[in-house]
Amino acid sequence: MKRIQVILVCVALTWLGTAAADVELKIITPKGYVAFTVADHWRVLLMETKMPVAAAVFQLPNPADQGTPDSTNLIIQFFERGSEKEKAVYAAPVTQHGSAPPKVSRFKEWKIFRQEALQGKTMYSIWDAKRDGMADVSVSVRLAWPHLPNNPPGYNDEMEKTFRTFLDYVSGGFGKHTPKKGEVIRRLQ
């Protein structure tokens, strides 16, 4: 019994240690807001907060991709419901990148499309998730990572956990956003 309690305490302390480094980002939509949480060590490659399509692109650190043209990236897009962009881009079928069609599954309210494909000479896992009707937007998330010889052991499992955790922390609501105590608001121009 003591051994199980020690393991649970270590897991809780590890989670608390990483959760403190997370950053919640919010985007104000026409009728509400959407939020998502990223690790503070993810590199921001793009942040577009204006609707009808808001998007953010992040590069996740992986020592194995140093000196290569490859990288692990996560993209999140918010499509204003009923907009032309939602109809043209979000509603379009997920593009097949490899020789096999994407495998479709569900995770909570998300529909997930998993596939593998070559990018240059490197095999990538490409996972797309879609979710309708979060506040007044539809949400699309893509995580793509390279299968590199020097990837850390368990990297694919780590990416699956990262993907599911990220999806769990995407949220939204209707109405005027009221900042929480201590919340800092920055407006991007």
C-alpha atoms as a PDB file:
ATOM      1  CA  MET A   1       0.000   0.000   0.000  1.00  0.00           C
ATOM      2  CA  LYS A   2       2.806   2.449   0.833  1.00  0.00           C
ATOM      3  CA  ARG A   3       4.477   1.859  -2.537  1.00  0.00           C
ATOM      4  CA  ILE A   4       1.279   2.784  -4.439  1.00  0.00           C
ATOM      5  CA  GLN A   5       0.866   5.949  -2.369  1.00  0.00           C
ATOM      6  CA  VAL A   6       4.462   6.997  -3.090  1.00  0.00           C
ATOM      7  CA  ILE A   7       3.976   6.472  -6.828  1.00  0.00           C
ATOM      8  CA  LEU A   8       0.764   8.506  -6.788  1.00  0.00           C
ATOM      9  CA  VAL A   9       2.466  11.327  -4.889  1.00  0.00           C
ATOM     10  CA  CYS A  10       5.344  11.357  -7.422  1.00  0.00           C
ATOM     11  CA  VAL A  11       2.895  11.449 -10.331  1.00  0.00           C
ATOM     12  CA  ALA A  12       0.985  14.299  -8.683  1.00  0.00           C
ATOM     13  CA  LEU A  13       4.186  16.245  -8.034  1.00  0.00           C
ATOM     14  CA  THR A  14       5.356  15.716 -11.613  1.00  0.00           C
ATOM     15  CA  TRP A  15       2.006  16.928 -12.961  1.00  0.00           C
ATOM     16  CA  LEU A  16       2.027  19.944 -10.662  1.00  0.00           C
ATOM     17  CA  GLY A  17       5.556  20.773 -11.769  1.00  0.00           C
ATOM     18  CA  THR A  18       4.646  20.754 -15.460  1.00  0.00           C
ATOM     19  CA  ALA A  19       1.226  22.353 -15.038  1.00  0.00           C
ATOM     20  CA  ALA A  20       2.814  25.436 -13.502  1.00  0.00           C
ATOM     21  CA  ALA A  21       4.717  25.967 -16.763  1.00  0.00           C
ATOM     22  CA  ASP A  22       1.587  25.880 -18.929  1.00  0.00           C
ATOM     23  CA  VAL A  23       0.120  28.993 -20.507  1.00  0.00           C
ATOM     24  CA  GLU A  24      -3.578  29.455 -21.254  1.00  0.00           C
ATOM     25  CA  LEU A  25      -4.332  31.556 -24.313  1.00  0.00           C
ATOM     26  CA  LYS A  26      -7.767  32.995 -25.101  1.00  0.00           C
ATOM     27  CA  ILE A  27      -9.175  34.371 -28.315  1.00  0.00           C
ATOM     28  CA  ILE A  28     -12.235  36.588 -28.259  1.00  0.00           C
ATOM     29  CA  THR A  29     -14.815  35.509 -30.851  1.00  0.00           C
ATOM     30  CA  PRO A  30     -17.852  37.453 -32.106  1.00  0.00           C
ATOM     31  CA  LYS A  31     -20.156  35.865 -29.511  1.00  0.00           C
ATOM     32  CA  GLY A  32     -17.786  34.600 -26.820  1.00  0.00           C
ATOM     33  CA  TYR A  33     -14.282  33.237 -26.407  1.00  0.00           C
ATOM     34  CA  VAL A  34     -12.171  30.121 -26.884  1.00  0.00           C
ATOM     35  CA  ALA A  35      -9.162  29.063 -24.852  1.00  0.00           C
ATOM     36  CA  PHE A  36      -6.370  26.532 -25.152  1.00  0.00           C
ATOM     37  CA  THR A  37      -3.347  25.621 -23.070  1.00  0.00           C
ATOM     38  CA  VAL A  38       0.213  25.196 -24.332  1.00  0.00           C
ATOM     39  CA  ALA A  39       3.528  24.448 -22.658  1.00  0.00           C
ATOM     40  CA  ASP A  40       5.574  27.588 -22.133  1.00  0.00           C
ATOM     41  CA  HIS A  41       8.570  26.037 -23.909  1.00  0.00           C
ATOM     42  CA  TRP A  42       6.694  25.528 -27.192  1.00  0.00           C
ATOM     43  CA  ARG A  43       7.978  27.963 -29.799  1.00  0.00           C
ATOM     44  CA  VAL A  44       5.275  30.186 -31.320  1.00  0.00           C
ATOM     45  CA  LEU A  45       5.590  30.167 -35.114  1.00  0.00           C
ATOM     46  CA  LEU A  46       2.316  31.984 -35.878  1.00  0.00           C
ATOM     47  CA  MET A  47      -0.462  33.662 -33.903  1.00  0.00           C
ATOM     48  CA  GLU A  48      -3.431  35.060 -35.835  1.00  0.00           C
ATOM     49  CA  THR A  49      -6.263  36.174 -33.564  1.00  0.00           C
ATOM     50  CA  LYS A  50      -8.626  37.843 -36.028  1.00  0.00           C
ATOM     51  CA  MET A  51     -11.789  36.029 -37.074  1.00  0.00           C
ATOM     52  CA  PRO A  52     -13.273  34.517 -39.274  1.00  0.00           C
ATOM     53  CA  VAL A  53     -10.245  32.193 -38.844  1.00  0.00           C
ATOM     54  CA  ALA A  54      -7.957  32.501 -35.849  1.00  0.00           C
ATOM     55  CA  ALA A  55      -4.912  30.234 -35.772  1.00  0.00           C
ATOM     56  CA  ALA A  56      -1.804  29.426 -33.787  1.00  0.00           C
ATOM     57  CA  VAL A  57       1.178  27.312 -34.832  1.00  0.00           C
ATOM     58  CA  PHE A  58       3.695  25.925 -32.346  1.00  0.00           C
ATOM     59  CA  GLN A  59       6.935  23.977 -32.668  1.00  0.00           C
ATOM     60  CA  LEU A  60       7.396  21.404 -29.930  1.00  0.00           C
ATOM     61  CA  PRO A  61      11.004  20.862 -28.872  1.00  0.00           C
ATOM     62  CA  ASN A  62      12.642  17.565 -29.809  1.00  0.00           C
ATOM     63  CA  PRO A  63      16.443  17.199 -29.503  1.00  0.00           C
ATOM     64  CA  ALA A  64      16.350  14.580 -32.303  1.00  0.00           C
ATOM     65  CA  ASP A  65      15.384  17.177 -34.927  1.00  0.00           C
ATOM     66  CA  GLN A  66      18.389  19.461 -34.271  1.00  0.00           C
ATOM     67  CA  GLY A  67      20.270  19.974 -37.529  1.00  0.00           C
ATOM     68  CA  THR A  68      17.488  18.436 -39.633  1.00  0.00           C
ATOM     69  CA  PRO A  69      14.762  20.051 -41.733  1.00  0.00           C
ATOM     70  CA  ASP A  70      12.188  18.173 -39.604  1.00  0.00           C
ATOM     71  CA  SER A  71      10.191  19.328 -36.591  1.00  0.00           C
ATOM     72  CA  THR A  72       7.194  18.491 -34.441  1.00  0.00           C
ATOM     73  CA  ASN A  73       4.401  21.031 -34.930  1.00  0.00           C
ATOM     74  CA  LEU A  74       0.959  21.661 -33.520  1.00  0.00           C
ATOM     75  CA  ILE A  75      -1.596  23.850 -35.306  1.00  0.00           C
ATOM     76  CA  ILE A  76      -4.937  24.990 -33.901  1.00  0.00           C
ATOM     77  CA  GLN A  77      -7.529  26.857 -35.965  1.00  0.00           C
ATOM     78  CA  PHE A  78     -10.842  28.402 -34.940  1.00  0.00           C
ATOM     79  CA  PHE A  79     -13.419  28.916 -37.709  1.00  0.00           C
ATOM     80  CA  GLU A  80     -16.316  31.316 -37.165  1.00  0.00           C
ATOM     81  CA  ARG A  81     -19.515  29.284 -37.526  1.00  0.00           C
ATOM     82  CA  GLY A  82     -21.306  29.935 -40.833  1.00  0.00           C
ATOM     83  CA  SER A  83     -18.357  31.800 -42.392  1.00  0.00           C
ATOM     84  CA  GLU A  84     -17.149  31.057 -45.920  1.00  0.00           C
ATOM     85  CA  LYS A  85     -13.815  29.855 -44.473  1.00  0.00           C
ATOM     86  CA  GLU A  86     -15.609  27.349 -42.255  1.00  0.00           C
ATOM     87  CA  LYS A  87     -17.569  26.043 -45.234  1.00  0.00           C
ATOM     88  CA  ALA A  88     -14.538  25.900 -47.544  1.00  0.00           C
ATOM     89  CA  VAL A  89     -11.743  24.778 -45.223  1.00  0.00           C
ATOM     90  CA  TYR A  90     -13.110  23.260 -42.010  1.00  0.00           C
ATOM     91  CA  ALA A  91     -15.969  21.346 -43.672  1.00  0.00           C
ATOM     92  CA  ALA A  92     -13.655  19.893 -46.360  1.00  0.00           C
ATOM     93  CA  PRO A  93     -12.603  16.274 -45.889  1.00  0.00           C
ATOM     94  CA  VAL A  94      -9.207  15.731 -44.268  1.00  0.00           C
ATOM     95  CA  THR A  95      -6.623  15.412 -47.034  1.00  0.00           C
ATOM     96  CA  GLN A  96      -5.058  11.982 -47.443  1.00  0.00           C
ATOM     97  CA  HIS A  97      -1.275  12.460 -47.324  1.00  0.00           C
ATOM     98  CA  GLY A  98       0.013   8.883 -47.530  1.00  0.00           C
ATOM     99  CA  SER A  99      -0.916   5.776 -49.462  1.00  0.00           C
ATOM    100  CA  ALA A 100      -3.643   4.790 -46.980  1.00  0.00           C
ATOM    101  CA  PRO A 101      -6.698   6.837 -46.019  1.00  0.00           C
ATOM    102  CA  PRO A 102      -6.696   8.348 -42.505  1.00  0.00           C
ATOM    103  CA  LYS A 103      -7.896   6.077 -39.699  1.00  0.00           C
ATOM    104  CA  VAL A 104     -10.888   7.694 -38.014  1.00  0.00           C
ATOM    105  CA  SER A 105     -11.605   7.500 -34.280  1.00  0.00           C
ATOM    106  CA  ARG A 106     -13.237   9.566 -31.559  1.00  0.00           C
ATOM    107  CA  PHE A 107     -11.891  11.128 -28.384  1.00  0.00           C
ATOM    108  CA  LYS A 108     -14.639  12.692 -26.288  1.00  0.00           C
ATOM    109  CA  GLU A 109     -16.282  15.364 -28.539  1.00  0.00           C
ATOM    110  CA  TRP A 110     -13.431  15.231 -31.067  1.00  0.00           C
ATOM    111  CA  LYS A 111     -13.293  13.311 -34.354  1.00  0.00           C
ATOM    112  CA  ILE A 112      -9.683  12.250 -34.979  1.00  0.00           C
ATOM    113  CA  PHE A 113      -8.004  11.355 -38.273  1.00  0.00           C
ATOM    114  CA  ARG A 114      -4.636   9.549 -37.994  1.00  0.00           C
ATOM    115  CA  GLN A 115      -2.263   8.908 -40.846  1.00  0.00           C
ATOM    116  CA  GLU A 116       1.397   8.530 -41.750  1.00  0.00           C
ATOM    117  CA  ALA A 117       3.109  10.008 -44.780  1.00  0.00           C
ATOM    118  CA  LEU A 118       6.510  10.897 -46.126  1.00  0.00           C
ATOM    119  CA  GLN A 119       7.612  14.503 -46.021  1.00  0.00           C
ATOM    120  CA  GLY A 120      10.790  14.604 -48.044  1.00  0.00           C
ATOM    121  CA  LYS A 121      12.634  11.489 -46.889  1.00  0.00           C
ATOM    122  CA  THR A 122      11.128  11.440 -43.389  1.00  0.00           C
ATOM    123  CA  MET A 123       8.039   9.530 -42.290  1.00  0.00           C
ATOM    124  CA  TYR A 124       5.619  11.666 -40.251  1.00  0.00           C
ATOM    125  CA  SER A 125       2.613  10.891 -38.094  1.00  0.00           C
ATOM    126  CA  ILE A 126      -0.114  13.413 -38.896  1.00  0.00           C
ATOM    127  CA  TRP A 127      -3.081  13.578 -36.544  1.00  0.00           C
ATOM    128  CA  ASP A 128      -6.003  15.895 -37.190  1.00  0.00           C
ATOM    129  CA  ALA A 129      -8.898  16.511 -34.805  1.00  0.00           C
ATOM    130  CA  LYS A 130     -12.117  18.394 -35.487  1.00  0.00           C
ATOM    131  CA  ARG A 131     -14.846  19.588 -33.168  1.00  0.00           C
ATOM    132  CA  ASP A 132     -18.013  21.464 -34.098  1.00  0.00           C
ATOM    133  CA  GLY A 133     -19.791  24.065 -32.044  1.00  0.00           C
ATOM    134  CA  MET A 134     -17.384  25.151 -29.334  1.00  0.00           C
ATOM    135  CA  ALA A 135     -18.855  28.522 -28.402  1.00  0.00           C
ATOM    136  CA  ASP A 136     -19.411  30.119 -31.824  1.00  0.00           C
ATOM    137  CA  VAL A 137     -16.538  28.380 -33.633  1.00  0.00           C
ATOM    138  CA  SER A 138     -15.531  25.045 -35.109  1.00  0.00           C
ATOM    139  CA  VAL A 139     -12.074  23.877 -34.040  1.00  0.00           C
ATOM    140  CA  SER A 140      -9.373  22.041 -35.948  1.00  0.00           C
ATOM    141  CA  VAL A 141      -6.124  20.759 -34.400  1.00  0.00           C
ATOM    142  CA  ARG A 142      -3.190  19.098 -36.159  1.00  0.00           C
ATOM    143  CA  LEU A 143      -0.168  17.485 -34.536  1.00  0.00           C
ATOM    144  CA  ALA A 144       2.561  16.261 -36.888  1.00  0.00           C
ATOM    145  CA  TRP A 145       5.841  14.718 -35.813  1.00  0.00           C
ATOM    146  CA  PRO A 146       8.762  13.072 -37.606  1.00  0.00           C
ATOM    147  CA  HIS A 147       9.889   9.506 -37.056  1.00  0.00           C
ATOM    148  CA  LEU A 148      13.585  10.215 -36.556  1.00  0.00           C
ATOM    149  CA  PRO A 149      16.244   7.629 -35.633  1.00  0.00           C
ATOM    150  CA  ASN A 150      17.230   9.663 -32.566  1.00  0.00           C
ATOM    151  CA  ASN A 151      13.723  10.294 -31.233  1.00  0.00           C
ATOM    152  CA  PRO A 152      13.670   9.596 -27.494  1.00  0.00           C
ATOM    153  CA  PRO A 153      12.285   6.185 -26.481  1.00  0.00           C
ATOM    154  CA  GLY A 154       8.496   6.355 -26.246  1.00  0.00           C
ATOM    155  CA  TYR A 155       8.277   9.531 -28.346  1.00  0.00           C
ATOM    156  CA  ASN A 156       5.182   8.342 -30.238  1.00  0.00           C
ATOM    157  CA  ASP A 157       3.407   7.562 -26.950  1.00  0.00           C
ATOM    158  CA  GLU A 158       4.458  10.965 -25.602  1.00  0.00           C
ATOM    159  CA  MET A 159       2.979  12.651 -28.697  1.00  0.00           C
ATOM    160  CA  GLU A 160      -0.321  10.784 -28.277  1.00  0.00           C
ATOM    161  CA  LYS A 161      -0.486  11.910 -24.647  1.00  0.00           C
ATOM    162  CA  THR A 162       0.385  15.494 -25.649  1.00  0.00           C
ATOM    163  CA  PHE A 163      -2.347  15.455 -28.321  1.00  0.00           C
ATOM    164  CA  ARG A 164      -5.070  14.164 -25.983  1.00  0.00           C
ATOM    165  CA  THR A 165      -4.028  16.515 -23.176  1.00  0.00           C
ATOM    166  CA  PHE A 166      -4.075  19.457 -25.571  1.00  0.00           C
ATOM    167  CA  LEU A 167      -7.571  18.525 -26.807  1.00  0.00           C
ATOM    168  CA  ASP A 168      -8.775  18.246 -23.204  1.00  0.00           C
ATOM    169  CA  TYR A 169      -7.689  21.837 -22.540  1.00  0.00           C
ATOM    170  CA  VAL A 170      -9.418  23.439 -25.531  1.00  0.00           C
ATOM    171  CA  SER A 171     -12.564  25.153 -24.230  1.00  0.00           C
ATOM    172  CA  GLY A 172     -14.952  27.961 -24.992  1.00  0.00           C
ATOM    173  CA  GLY A 173     -17.939  29.910 -23.833  1.00  0.00           C
ATOM    174  CA  PHE A 174     -20.570  32.410 -24.904  1.00  0.00           C
ATOM    175  CA  GLY A 175     -20.920  35.962 -23.677  1.00  0.00           C
ATOM    176  CA  LYS A 176     -18.495  38.665 -22.744  1.00  0.00           C
ATOM    177  CA  HIS A 177     -15.202  37.341 -21.463  1.00  0.00           C
ATOM    178  CA  THR A 178     -14.586  38.346 -17.868  1.00  0.00           C
ATOM    179  CA  PRO A 179     -10.888  38.106 -16.968  1.00  0.00           C
ATOM    180  CA  LYS A 180      -9.960  35.981 -13.967  1.00  0.00           C
ATOM    181  CA  LYS A 181      -8.064  37.538 -11.089  1.00  0.00           C
ATOM    182  CA  GLY A 182      -4.452  37.923 -12.136  1.00  0.00           C
ATOM    183  CA  GLU A 183      -5.189  37.289 -15.814  1.00  0.00           C
ATOM    184  CA  VAL A 184      -3.159  39.466 -18.172  1.00  0.00           C
ATOM    185  CA  ILE A 185      -4.770  40.595 -21.419  1.00  0.00           C
ATOM    186  CA  ARG A 186      -2.574  41.384 -24.384  1.00  0.00           C
ATOM    187  CA  ARG A 187      -3.992  42.570 -27.655  1.00  0.00           C
ATOM    188  CA  LEU A 188      -2.172  41.581 -30.829  1.00  0.00           C
ATOM    189  CA  GLN A 189      -2.253  44.164 -33.566  1.00  0.00           C
END
